[in-house]
N, C-alpha and C. Protein backbone atom coordinates (compact mmCIF):
# COMPACT_ATOMS: atom_id res chain seq x y z
N LEU A 1 0.83 -1.19 0.00
CA LEU A 1 0.00 0.00 0.00
C LEU A 1 0.88 1.26 0.00
N GLY A 2 2.14 1.06 0.12
CA GLY A 2 3.06 2.18 0.04
C GLY A 2 3.23 2.89 1.37
N LEU A 3 2.84 2.28 2.42
CA LEU A 3 3.03 2.89 3.73
C LEU A 3 4.43 2.55 4.22
N SER A 4 4.95 3.41 5.07
CA SER A 4 6.29 3.15 5.57
C SER A 4 6.26 1.99 6.54
N ARG A 5 7.41 1.32 6.57
CA ARG A 5 7.50 0.16 7.45
C ARG A 5 7.30 0.56 8.91
N ALA A 6 7.77 1.65 9.34
CA ALA A 6 7.65 2.11 10.73
C ALA A 6 6.16 2.33 11.07
N LEU A 7 5.43 2.89 10.13
CA LEU A 7 4.02 3.13 10.36
C LEU A 7 3.27 1.80 10.48
N VAL A 8 3.58 0.86 9.61
CA VAL A 8 2.93 -0.44 9.64
C VAL A 8 3.29 -1.15 10.95
N ALA A 9 4.56 -1.07 11.38
CA ALA A 9 5.01 -1.71 12.62
C ALA A 9 4.26 -1.11 13.81
N ARG A 10 4.15 0.22 13.79
CA ARG A 10 3.45 0.90 14.89
C ARG A 10 1.98 0.50 14.92
N ALA A 11 1.33 0.37 13.77
CA ALA A 11 -0.06 -0.03 13.67
C ALA A 11 -0.23 -1.45 14.21
N ARG A 12 0.73 -2.32 13.84
CA ARG A 12 0.67 -3.70 14.35
C ARG A 12 0.80 -3.73 15.86
N GLU A 13 1.71 -2.93 16.33
CA GLU A 13 1.93 -2.86 17.78
C GLU A 13 0.66 -2.40 18.50
N LEU A 14 0.01 -1.37 17.99
CA LEU A 14 -1.22 -0.87 18.60
C LEU A 14 -2.34 -1.90 18.48
N HIS A 15 -2.38 -2.56 17.34
CA HIS A 15 -3.41 -3.57 17.12
C HIS A 15 -3.24 -4.72 18.11
N VAL A 16 -1.98 -5.17 18.31
CA VAL A 16 -1.71 -6.27 19.23
C VAL A 16 -2.07 -5.84 20.65
N ARG A 17 -1.71 -4.58 21.03
CA ARG A 17 -2.06 -4.09 22.37
C ARG A 17 -3.58 -4.07 22.55
N ARG A 18 -4.29 -3.61 21.52
CA ARG A 18 -5.74 -3.56 21.59
C ARG A 18 -6.31 -4.97 21.72
N ASP A 19 -5.77 -5.91 20.96
CA ASP A 19 -6.21 -7.30 21.05
C ASP A 19 -5.91 -7.86 22.44
N ASP A 20 -4.72 -7.52 22.97
CA ASP A 20 -4.36 -7.98 24.32
C ASP A 20 -5.31 -7.38 25.36
N ALA A 21 -5.61 -6.09 25.21
CA ALA A 21 -6.52 -5.41 26.14
C ALA A 21 -7.92 -6.02 26.04
N LEU A 22 -8.37 -6.28 24.82
CA LEU A 22 -9.68 -6.88 24.61
C LEU A 22 -9.71 -8.28 25.21
N SER A 23 -8.64 -9.03 24.98
CA SER A 23 -8.54 -10.38 25.53
C SER A 23 -8.55 -10.34 27.06
N GLU A 24 -7.80 -9.37 27.61
CA GLU A 24 -7.76 -9.20 29.06
C GLU A 24 -9.14 -8.82 29.60
N LEU A 25 -9.81 -7.91 28.89
CA LEU A 25 -11.15 -7.49 29.30
C LEU A 25 -12.12 -8.67 29.25
N MET A 26 -12.01 -9.48 28.22
CA MET A 26 -12.87 -10.66 28.09
C MET A 26 -12.60 -11.64 29.22
N ASP A 27 -11.33 -11.80 29.59
CA ASP A 27 -10.98 -12.68 30.71
C ASP A 27 -11.60 -12.17 32.01
N GLU A 28 -11.51 -10.83 32.20
CA GLU A 28 -12.10 -10.23 33.40
C GLU A 28 -13.61 -10.42 33.42
N VAL A 29 -14.25 -10.23 32.26
CA VAL A 29 -15.70 -10.42 32.16
C VAL A 29 -16.05 -11.86 32.50
N ARG A 30 -15.26 -12.82 31.96
CA ARG A 30 -15.49 -14.24 32.25
C ARG A 30 -15.35 -14.52 33.75
N ASP A 31 -14.30 -13.93 34.38
CA ASP A 31 -14.09 -14.12 35.81
C ASP A 31 -15.26 -13.55 36.63
N VAL A 32 -15.68 -12.34 36.25
CA VAL A 32 -16.80 -11.71 36.96
C VAL A 32 -18.06 -12.54 36.78
N ARG A 33 -18.29 -13.02 35.57
CA ARG A 33 -19.47 -13.83 35.30
C ARG A 33 -19.42 -15.13 36.10
N THR A 34 -18.25 -15.76 36.17
CA THR A 34 -18.10 -17.00 36.95
C THR A 34 -18.38 -16.73 38.43
N GLN A 35 -17.85 -15.61 38.93
CA GLN A 35 -18.08 -15.26 40.33
C GLN A 35 -19.57 -14.97 40.57
N ALA A 36 -20.20 -14.28 39.60
CA ALA A 36 -21.62 -13.96 39.73
C ALA A 36 -22.45 -15.25 39.73
N GLU A 37 -22.11 -16.20 38.89
CA GLU A 37 -22.81 -17.48 38.85
C GLU A 37 -22.64 -18.23 40.16
N ALA A 38 -21.41 -18.22 40.68
CA ALA A 38 -21.14 -18.89 41.96
C ALA A 38 -21.95 -18.22 43.08
N SER A 39 -21.98 -16.89 43.09
CA SER A 39 -22.74 -16.16 44.11
C SER A 39 -24.24 -16.45 43.99
N ARG A 40 -24.73 -16.46 42.74
CA ARG A 40 -26.16 -16.76 42.50
C ARG A 40 -26.48 -18.17 42.96
N SER A 41 -25.61 -19.12 42.65
CA SER A 41 -25.82 -20.51 43.04
C SER A 41 -25.82 -20.64 44.57
N ALA A 42 -24.87 -19.96 45.23
CA ALA A 42 -24.81 -20.00 46.69
C ALA A 42 -26.06 -19.37 47.30
N ALA A 43 -26.51 -18.26 46.70
CA ALA A 43 -27.71 -17.59 47.20
C ALA A 43 -28.94 -18.48 47.04
N GLU A 44 -29.04 -19.16 45.90
CA GLU A 44 -30.16 -20.07 45.68
C GLU A 44 -30.12 -21.22 46.68
N SER A 45 -28.93 -21.74 46.96
CA SER A 45 -28.80 -22.81 47.94
C SER A 45 -29.25 -22.34 49.32
N ARG A 46 -28.81 -21.13 49.70
CA ARG A 46 -29.22 -20.58 50.99
C ARG A 46 -30.73 -20.36 51.04
N LEU A 47 -31.28 -19.88 49.93
CA LEU A 47 -32.72 -19.64 49.87
C LEU A 47 -33.49 -20.96 50.01
N GLU A 48 -33.03 -22.00 49.31
CA GLU A 48 -33.67 -23.31 49.42
C GLU A 48 -33.57 -23.85 50.84
N GLU A 49 -32.41 -23.67 51.47
CA GLU A 49 -32.21 -24.13 52.85
C GLU A 49 -33.13 -23.36 53.79
N ALA A 50 -33.25 -22.05 53.58
CA ALA A 50 -34.14 -21.23 54.41
C ALA A 50 -35.59 -21.67 54.23
N ALA A 51 -35.98 -21.95 52.99
CA ALA A 51 -37.35 -22.40 52.73
C ALA A 51 -37.60 -23.75 53.39
N ARG A 52 -36.61 -24.63 53.33
CA ARG A 52 -36.75 -25.95 53.97
C ARG A 52 -36.89 -25.80 55.48
N LYS A 53 -36.04 -24.95 56.07
CA LYS A 53 -36.10 -24.75 57.52
C LYS A 53 -37.41 -24.07 57.92
N THR A 54 -37.90 -23.15 57.11
CA THR A 54 -39.18 -22.50 57.39
C THR A 54 -40.30 -23.53 57.37
N ALA A 55 -40.27 -24.42 56.38
CA ALA A 55 -41.29 -25.47 56.31
C ALA A 55 -41.20 -26.39 57.53
N GLU A 56 -39.99 -26.74 57.95
CA GLU A 56 -39.81 -27.58 59.14
C GLU A 56 -40.36 -26.87 60.38
N LEU A 57 -40.05 -25.57 60.51
CA LEU A 57 -40.54 -24.81 61.66
C LEU A 57 -42.06 -24.70 61.65
N ASP A 58 -42.63 -24.50 60.45
CA ASP A 58 -44.09 -24.44 60.35
C ASP A 58 -44.72 -25.76 60.77
N ALA A 59 -44.11 -26.87 60.31
CA ALA A 59 -44.63 -28.19 60.69
C ALA A 59 -44.49 -28.41 62.19
N LEU A 60 -43.37 -28.00 62.75
CA LEU A 60 -43.16 -28.14 64.18
C LEU A 60 -44.14 -27.28 64.97
N ALA A 61 -44.38 -26.06 64.51
CA ALA A 61 -45.35 -25.18 65.18
C ALA A 61 -46.75 -25.79 65.12
N GLY A 62 -47.10 -26.36 63.98
CA GLY A 62 -48.40 -27.03 63.86
C GLY A 62 -48.52 -28.21 64.80
N GLU A 63 -47.47 -28.98 64.89
CA GLU A 63 -47.45 -30.13 65.80
C GLU A 63 -47.57 -29.67 67.26
N LEU A 64 -46.84 -28.61 67.61
CA LEU A 64 -46.92 -28.08 68.97
C LEU A 64 -48.32 -27.55 69.28
N ASP A 65 -48.92 -26.88 68.31
CA ASP A 65 -50.30 -26.39 68.50
C ASP A 65 -51.25 -27.56 68.74
N ARG A 66 -51.10 -28.60 67.91
CA ARG A 66 -51.96 -29.79 68.05
C ARG A 66 -51.76 -30.44 69.41
N LYS A 67 -50.50 -30.58 69.83
CA LYS A 67 -50.24 -31.20 71.14
C LYS A 67 -50.78 -30.32 72.26
N GLY A 68 -50.64 -29.01 72.11
CA GLY A 68 -51.19 -28.09 73.11
C GLY A 68 -52.69 -28.24 73.23
N GLU A 69 -53.37 -28.36 72.09
CA GLU A 69 -54.82 -28.55 72.11
C GLU A 69 -55.19 -29.87 72.77
N LEU A 70 -54.42 -30.92 72.48
CA LEU A 70 -54.70 -32.22 73.10
C LEU A 70 -54.49 -32.16 74.61
N ILE A 71 -53.43 -31.48 75.05
CA ILE A 71 -53.17 -31.35 76.49
C ILE A 71 -54.28 -30.55 77.15
N GLU A 72 -54.70 -29.46 76.49
CA GLU A 72 -55.79 -28.66 77.03
C GLU A 72 -57.08 -29.48 77.10
N ALA A 73 -57.33 -30.27 76.05
CA ALA A 73 -58.53 -31.10 76.03
C ALA A 73 -58.48 -32.12 77.16
N GLU A 74 -57.33 -32.73 77.37
CA GLU A 74 -57.19 -33.72 78.44
C GLU A 74 -57.41 -33.07 79.80
N ALA A 75 -56.84 -31.89 80.00
CA ALA A 75 -57.03 -31.17 81.26
C ALA A 75 -58.50 -30.81 81.45
N GLN A 76 -59.14 -30.37 80.37
CA GLN A 76 -60.55 -30.02 80.43
C GLN A 76 -61.39 -31.24 80.79
N ARG A 77 -61.06 -32.38 80.17
CA ARG A 77 -61.79 -33.62 80.48
C ARG A 77 -61.63 -33.98 81.96
N GLY A 78 -60.40 -33.87 82.46
CA GLY A 78 -60.16 -34.18 83.87
C GLY A 78 -60.96 -33.27 84.78
N LEU A 79 -60.98 -31.99 84.46
CA LEU A 79 -61.75 -31.03 85.25
C LEU A 79 -63.24 -31.35 85.19
N GLU A 80 -63.72 -31.67 84.00
CA GLU A 80 -65.14 -31.99 83.85
C GLU A 80 -65.51 -33.23 84.66
N GLU A 81 -64.63 -34.23 84.66
CA GLU A 81 -64.91 -35.44 85.43
C GLU A 81 -64.95 -35.13 86.93
N ARG A 82 -64.04 -34.28 87.40
CA ARG A 82 -64.05 -33.91 88.82
C ARG A 82 -65.32 -33.13 89.18
N VAL A 83 -65.72 -32.22 88.29
CA VAL A 83 -66.94 -31.46 88.54
C VAL A 83 -68.14 -32.39 88.56
N ARG A 84 -68.17 -33.36 87.64
CA ARG A 84 -69.27 -34.33 87.63
C ARG A 84 -69.31 -35.11 88.94
N GLY A 85 -68.13 -35.53 89.42
CA GLY A 85 -68.07 -36.25 90.69
C GLY A 85 -68.55 -35.39 91.84
N ALA A 86 -68.17 -34.11 91.84
CA ALA A 86 -68.61 -33.20 92.89
C ALA A 86 -70.12 -32.99 92.81
N ARG A 87 -70.66 -32.91 91.60
CA ARG A 87 -72.11 -32.74 91.45
C ARG A 87 -72.85 -33.97 91.95
N THR A 88 -72.31 -35.14 91.70
CA THR A 88 -72.93 -36.37 92.19
C THR A 88 -72.96 -36.36 93.72
N ALA A 89 -71.84 -35.97 94.33
CA ALA A 89 -71.78 -35.89 95.79
C ALA A 89 -72.75 -34.82 96.30
N LEU A 90 -72.88 -33.73 95.57
CA LEU A 90 -73.79 -32.66 95.94
C LEU A 90 -75.24 -33.16 95.93
N GLU A 91 -75.60 -33.89 94.90
CA GLU A 91 -76.96 -34.44 94.81
C GLU A 91 -77.22 -35.46 95.91
N ARG A 92 -76.21 -36.24 96.25
CA ARG A 92 -76.35 -37.19 97.35
C ARG A 92 -76.60 -36.43 98.66
N ALA A 93 -75.85 -35.34 98.86
CA ALA A 93 -76.04 -34.52 100.07
C ALA A 93 -77.44 -33.91 100.09
N ARG A 94 -77.92 -33.47 98.93
CA ARG A 94 -79.28 -32.89 98.87
C ARG A 94 -80.34 -33.94 99.23
N SER A 95 -80.09 -35.17 98.81
CA SER A 95 -81.07 -36.22 99.11
C SER A 95 -81.14 -36.53 100.61
N LEU A 96 -80.09 -36.17 101.35
CA LEU A 96 -80.07 -36.40 102.80
C LEU A 96 -80.69 -35.24 103.59
N LEU A 97 -80.95 -34.12 102.93
CA LEU A 97 -81.50 -32.94 103.61
C LEU A 97 -82.78 -33.23 104.39
N PRO A 98 -83.73 -34.01 103.85
CA PRO A 98 -84.98 -34.25 104.59
C PRO A 98 -84.75 -34.92 105.95
N GLN A 99 -83.63 -35.55 106.14
CA GLN A 99 -83.36 -36.24 107.40
C GLN A 99 -82.91 -35.27 108.50
N LEU A 100 -82.59 -34.04 108.13
CA LEU A 100 -82.13 -33.04 109.10
C LEU A 100 -83.31 -32.25 109.67
N GLY A 101 -83.07 -31.63 110.81
CA GLY A 101 -84.07 -30.74 111.39
C GLY A 101 -84.20 -29.50 110.53
N ALA A 102 -85.23 -28.68 110.81
CA ALA A 102 -85.54 -27.52 109.98
C ALA A 102 -84.39 -26.53 109.91
N ALA A 103 -83.83 -26.13 111.03
CA ALA A 103 -82.76 -25.12 111.02
C ALA A 103 -81.49 -25.64 110.34
N PRO A 104 -81.01 -26.83 110.70
CA PRO A 104 -79.81 -27.32 110.02
C PRO A 104 -80.06 -27.57 108.52
N ARG A 105 -81.30 -27.97 108.21
CA ARG A 105 -81.63 -28.25 106.80
C ARG A 105 -81.52 -26.97 105.97
N GLU A 106 -82.04 -25.84 106.49
CA GLU A 106 -81.97 -24.57 105.77
C GLU A 106 -80.52 -24.13 105.59
N GLU A 107 -79.75 -24.24 106.66
CA GLU A 107 -78.33 -23.85 106.59
C GLU A 107 -77.58 -24.73 105.59
N MET A 108 -77.82 -26.04 105.67
CA MET A 108 -77.14 -26.97 104.75
C MET A 108 -77.59 -26.73 103.31
N ALA A 109 -78.85 -26.41 103.11
CA ALA A 109 -79.37 -26.12 101.76
C ALA A 109 -78.65 -24.90 101.18
N ARG A 110 -78.45 -23.86 102.01
CA ARG A 110 -77.72 -22.67 101.54
C ARG A 110 -76.29 -23.02 101.16
N VAL A 111 -75.65 -23.81 102.00
CA VAL A 111 -74.26 -24.22 101.71
C VAL A 111 -74.21 -25.02 100.42
N LEU A 112 -75.16 -25.92 100.25
CA LEU A 112 -75.18 -26.74 99.03
C LEU A 112 -75.49 -25.89 97.80
N ASP A 113 -76.35 -24.89 97.95
CA ASP A 113 -76.63 -23.98 96.83
C ASP A 113 -75.38 -23.19 96.45
N ASP A 114 -74.66 -22.70 97.47
CA ASP A 114 -73.41 -21.98 97.20
C ASP A 114 -72.41 -22.88 96.48
N LEU A 115 -72.34 -24.10 96.93
CA LEU A 115 -71.43 -25.07 96.30
C LEU A 115 -71.85 -25.35 94.86
N ASP A 116 -73.15 -25.46 94.64
CA ASP A 116 -73.67 -25.69 93.29
C ASP A 116 -73.32 -24.52 92.37
N GLN A 117 -73.45 -23.30 92.86
CA GLN A 117 -73.09 -22.13 92.05
C GLN A 117 -71.60 -22.10 91.76
N ALA A 118 -70.80 -22.45 92.75
CA ALA A 118 -69.34 -22.48 92.55
C ALA A 118 -68.96 -23.51 91.50
N LEU A 119 -69.63 -24.64 91.53
CA LEU A 119 -69.34 -25.69 90.53
C LEU A 119 -69.81 -25.28 89.14
N GLY A 120 -70.82 -24.43 89.07
CA GLY A 120 -71.36 -24.01 87.77
C GLY A 120 -70.31 -23.38 86.87
N GLY A 121 -69.43 -22.58 87.41
CA GLY A 121 -68.42 -21.91 86.60
C GLY A 121 -67.08 -22.60 86.60
N ALA A 122 -66.94 -23.67 87.37
CA ALA A 122 -65.64 -24.31 87.52
C ALA A 122 -65.11 -24.92 86.24
N SER A 123 -65.98 -25.40 85.41
CA SER A 123 -65.50 -26.11 84.23
C SER A 123 -65.57 -25.29 82.95
N LEU A 124 -65.88 -24.01 83.05
CA LEU A 124 -66.06 -23.23 81.84
C LEU A 124 -64.81 -22.45 81.46
N THR A 125 -63.96 -23.09 80.66
CA THR A 125 -62.87 -22.35 80.06
C THR A 125 -63.45 -21.60 78.87
N GLU A 126 -62.66 -20.72 78.29
CA GLU A 126 -63.17 -19.97 77.13
C GLU A 126 -63.56 -20.92 76.00
N ARG A 127 -62.73 -21.95 75.79
CA ARG A 127 -63.03 -22.90 74.71
C ARG A 127 -64.31 -23.66 75.02
N ARG A 128 -64.48 -24.06 76.28
CA ARG A 128 -65.68 -24.80 76.66
C ARG A 128 -66.91 -23.90 76.54
N ALA A 129 -66.79 -22.67 76.99
CA ALA A 129 -67.91 -21.74 76.88
C ALA A 129 -68.30 -21.54 75.42
N ALA A 130 -67.31 -21.41 74.55
CA ALA A 130 -67.59 -21.26 73.12
C ALA A 130 -68.25 -22.52 72.56
N PHE A 131 -67.79 -23.68 73.02
CA PHE A 131 -68.37 -24.96 72.58
C PHE A 131 -69.83 -25.03 72.99
N LEU A 132 -70.13 -24.71 74.26
CA LEU A 132 -71.51 -24.79 74.74
C LEU A 132 -72.40 -23.76 74.05
N LYS A 133 -71.86 -22.58 73.80
CA LYS A 133 -72.63 -21.53 73.13
C LYS A 133 -72.97 -21.92 71.69
N SER A 134 -72.05 -22.65 71.05
CA SER A 134 -72.25 -23.00 69.64
C SER A 134 -73.05 -24.29 69.45
N LEU A 135 -73.37 -25.00 70.52
CA LEU A 135 -74.12 -26.26 70.39
C LEU A 135 -75.44 -26.04 69.66
N LYS A 136 -75.72 -26.95 68.74
CA LYS A 136 -76.99 -26.88 68.03
C LYS A 136 -77.41 -28.30 67.62
N LYS A 137 -78.63 -28.43 67.20
CA LYS A 137 -79.17 -29.72 66.80
C LYS A 137 -78.30 -30.31 65.68
N GLY A 138 -77.97 -31.58 65.82
CA GLY A 138 -77.18 -32.27 64.80
C GLY A 138 -75.69 -32.35 65.14
N ASP A 139 -75.21 -31.50 66.06
CA ASP A 139 -73.80 -31.57 66.47
C ASP A 139 -73.54 -32.89 67.18
N LEU A 140 -72.30 -33.33 67.14
CA LEU A 140 -71.92 -34.51 67.90
C LEU A 140 -71.25 -34.07 69.20
N VAL A 141 -71.65 -34.70 70.30
CA VAL A 141 -71.02 -34.46 71.59
C VAL A 141 -70.59 -35.80 72.15
N TYR A 142 -69.65 -35.76 73.07
CA TYR A 142 -69.17 -36.98 73.71
C TYR A 142 -69.70 -37.02 75.13
N LEU A 143 -70.26 -38.17 75.52
CA LEU A 143 -70.75 -38.37 76.89
C LEU A 143 -69.77 -39.30 77.60
N PRO A 144 -68.90 -38.75 78.44
CA PRO A 144 -67.90 -39.59 79.13
C PRO A 144 -68.53 -40.69 79.97
N ARG A 145 -69.69 -40.40 80.60
CA ARG A 145 -70.33 -41.41 81.45
C ARG A 145 -70.66 -42.67 80.66
N TYR A 146 -71.09 -42.51 79.41
CA TYR A 146 -71.48 -43.63 78.56
C TYR A 146 -70.39 -44.02 77.56
N LYS A 147 -69.34 -43.21 77.52
CA LYS A 147 -68.24 -43.41 76.57
C LYS A 147 -68.78 -43.53 75.14
N GLN A 148 -69.67 -42.59 74.81
CA GLN A 148 -70.33 -42.60 73.50
C GLN A 148 -70.34 -41.19 72.92
N ARG A 149 -70.23 -41.13 71.61
CA ARG A 149 -70.43 -39.89 70.87
C ARG A 149 -71.87 -39.94 70.38
N CYS A 150 -72.62 -38.87 70.65
CA CYS A 150 -74.05 -38.85 70.34
C CYS A 150 -74.42 -37.57 69.60
N PRO A 151 -75.42 -37.65 68.73
CA PRO A 151 -75.90 -36.42 68.08
C PRO A 151 -76.82 -35.65 69.02
N VAL A 152 -76.76 -34.33 68.93
CA VAL A 152 -77.63 -33.47 69.73
C VAL A 152 -79.00 -33.42 69.06
N HIS A 153 -80.05 -33.66 69.86
CA HIS A 153 -81.41 -33.58 69.35
C HIS A 153 -82.00 -32.21 69.64
N LYS A 154 -81.68 -31.67 70.83
CA LYS A 154 -82.24 -30.38 71.23
C LYS A 154 -81.32 -29.75 72.27
N VAL A 155 -81.21 -28.43 72.23
CA VAL A 155 -80.41 -27.69 73.22
C VAL A 155 -81.37 -26.84 74.04
N ARG A 156 -81.33 -27.02 75.36
CA ARG A 156 -82.15 -26.23 76.29
C ARG A 156 -81.19 -25.34 77.09
N ARG A 157 -80.87 -24.19 76.53
CA ARG A 157 -79.89 -23.30 77.14
C ARG A 157 -80.34 -22.79 78.52
N GLU A 158 -81.63 -22.46 78.65
CA GLU A 158 -82.13 -21.93 79.92
C GLU A 158 -81.94 -22.94 81.05
N GLU A 159 -82.15 -24.21 80.75
CA GLU A 159 -82.02 -25.26 81.77
C GLU A 159 -80.59 -25.78 81.86
N GLY A 160 -79.73 -25.38 80.90
CA GLY A 160 -78.36 -25.89 80.90
C GLY A 160 -78.31 -27.37 80.56
N GLU A 161 -79.19 -27.77 79.65
CA GLU A 161 -79.29 -29.19 79.30
C GLU A 161 -79.22 -29.37 77.78
N VAL A 162 -78.86 -30.60 77.42
CA VAL A 162 -78.83 -31.01 76.02
C VAL A 162 -79.58 -32.33 75.94
N VAL A 163 -80.46 -32.45 74.97
CA VAL A 163 -81.13 -33.72 74.72
C VAL A 163 -80.36 -34.39 73.58
N VAL A 164 -79.86 -35.60 73.85
CA VAL A 164 -79.07 -36.33 72.86
C VAL A 164 -79.76 -37.64 72.53
N LYS A 165 -79.40 -38.17 71.38
CA LYS A 165 -79.91 -39.48 70.98
C LYS A 165 -78.81 -40.51 71.29
N LEU A 166 -79.09 -41.34 72.27
CA LEU A 166 -78.16 -42.40 72.65
C LEU A 166 -78.80 -43.70 72.19
N GLY A 167 -78.33 -44.19 71.06
CA GLY A 167 -78.96 -45.35 70.44
C GLY A 167 -80.34 -44.94 69.96
N SER A 168 -81.37 -45.68 70.42
CA SER A 168 -82.74 -45.36 69.99
C SER A 168 -83.47 -44.47 70.99
N MET A 169 -82.85 -44.19 72.14
CA MET A 169 -83.54 -43.37 73.13
C MET A 169 -82.98 -41.96 73.19
N LYS A 170 -83.82 -41.06 73.66
CA LYS A 170 -83.41 -39.67 73.85
C LYS A 170 -83.11 -39.49 75.33
N LEU A 171 -82.02 -38.80 75.60
CA LEU A 171 -81.55 -38.64 76.97
C LEU A 171 -81.25 -37.17 77.21
N SER A 172 -81.73 -36.66 78.34
CA SER A 172 -81.47 -35.27 78.70
C SER A 172 -80.30 -35.25 79.68
N VAL A 173 -79.23 -34.50 79.33
CA VAL A 173 -78.05 -34.42 80.19
C VAL A 173 -77.66 -32.96 80.36
N GLY A 174 -77.02 -32.66 81.48
CA GLY A 174 -76.58 -31.31 81.76
C GLY A 174 -75.38 -30.92 80.89
N PHE A 175 -75.19 -29.61 80.73
CA PHE A 175 -74.05 -29.12 79.96
C PHE A 175 -72.74 -29.66 80.51
N ASP A 176 -72.68 -29.86 81.83
CA ASP A 176 -71.43 -30.33 82.41
C ASP A 176 -71.18 -31.81 82.15
N GLU A 177 -72.13 -32.50 81.54
CA GLU A 177 -71.96 -33.92 81.23
C GLU A 177 -71.59 -34.18 79.78
N VAL A 178 -71.48 -33.13 78.97
CA VAL A 178 -71.11 -33.30 77.57
C VAL A 178 -69.79 -32.60 77.31
N THR A 179 -69.08 -33.15 76.36
CA THR A 179 -67.81 -32.55 75.96
C THR A 179 -67.63 -32.74 74.47
N LEU A 180 -66.78 -31.92 73.92
CA LEU A 180 -66.46 -32.02 72.51
C LEU A 180 -65.43 -33.11 72.28
N TYR A 181 -64.65 -33.40 73.30
CA TYR A 181 -63.49 -34.27 73.15
C TYR A 181 -63.78 -35.69 73.60
N GLU A 182 -63.40 -36.62 72.75
CA GLU A 182 -63.53 -38.02 73.08
C GLU A 182 -62.26 -38.44 73.82
N ALA A 183 -62.39 -39.41 74.69
CA ALA A 183 -61.24 -39.90 75.44
C ALA A 183 -60.17 -40.37 74.46
N LEU A 184 -58.90 -40.09 74.77
CA LEU A 184 -57.79 -40.46 73.89
C LEU A 184 -57.52 -41.94 73.94
């Protein structure tokens, strides 16, 4: 092309430097991309691990909630059984009242009435109160005395009673004799 050798040599030198710089830049881009991929992969692994641990914690929390409900139900059942036993003893004491004289009978009747009122609220936890309030015809209740689950036929809230179907017969029982929970 008629260019001087020095000019061509200088052009080659600049071209080689540019190629070296481009090659170096490409190597740096490759390194950065490799590092970015490694970082992304590590982040995804951490995210998957976090999701797995969150799922495990959610399952554990659910299990703890379920166990807590079972423990509360068991405690409620125990309390209900004790209240039932106390009510039975109370009724036995009431049946003996006619054998007492007039003055002791009146005093004992007042004491038994006070005891009856105290027992009335003894078994009502918030959950139990909500259960009794929500009772309606067709619900299933458990009768610990008979160890049977029975459908509700009628709810008599004023009397504090529930009429249930036990087999072919209808039975009237007090609110304190029914529970939502069956024995474990």
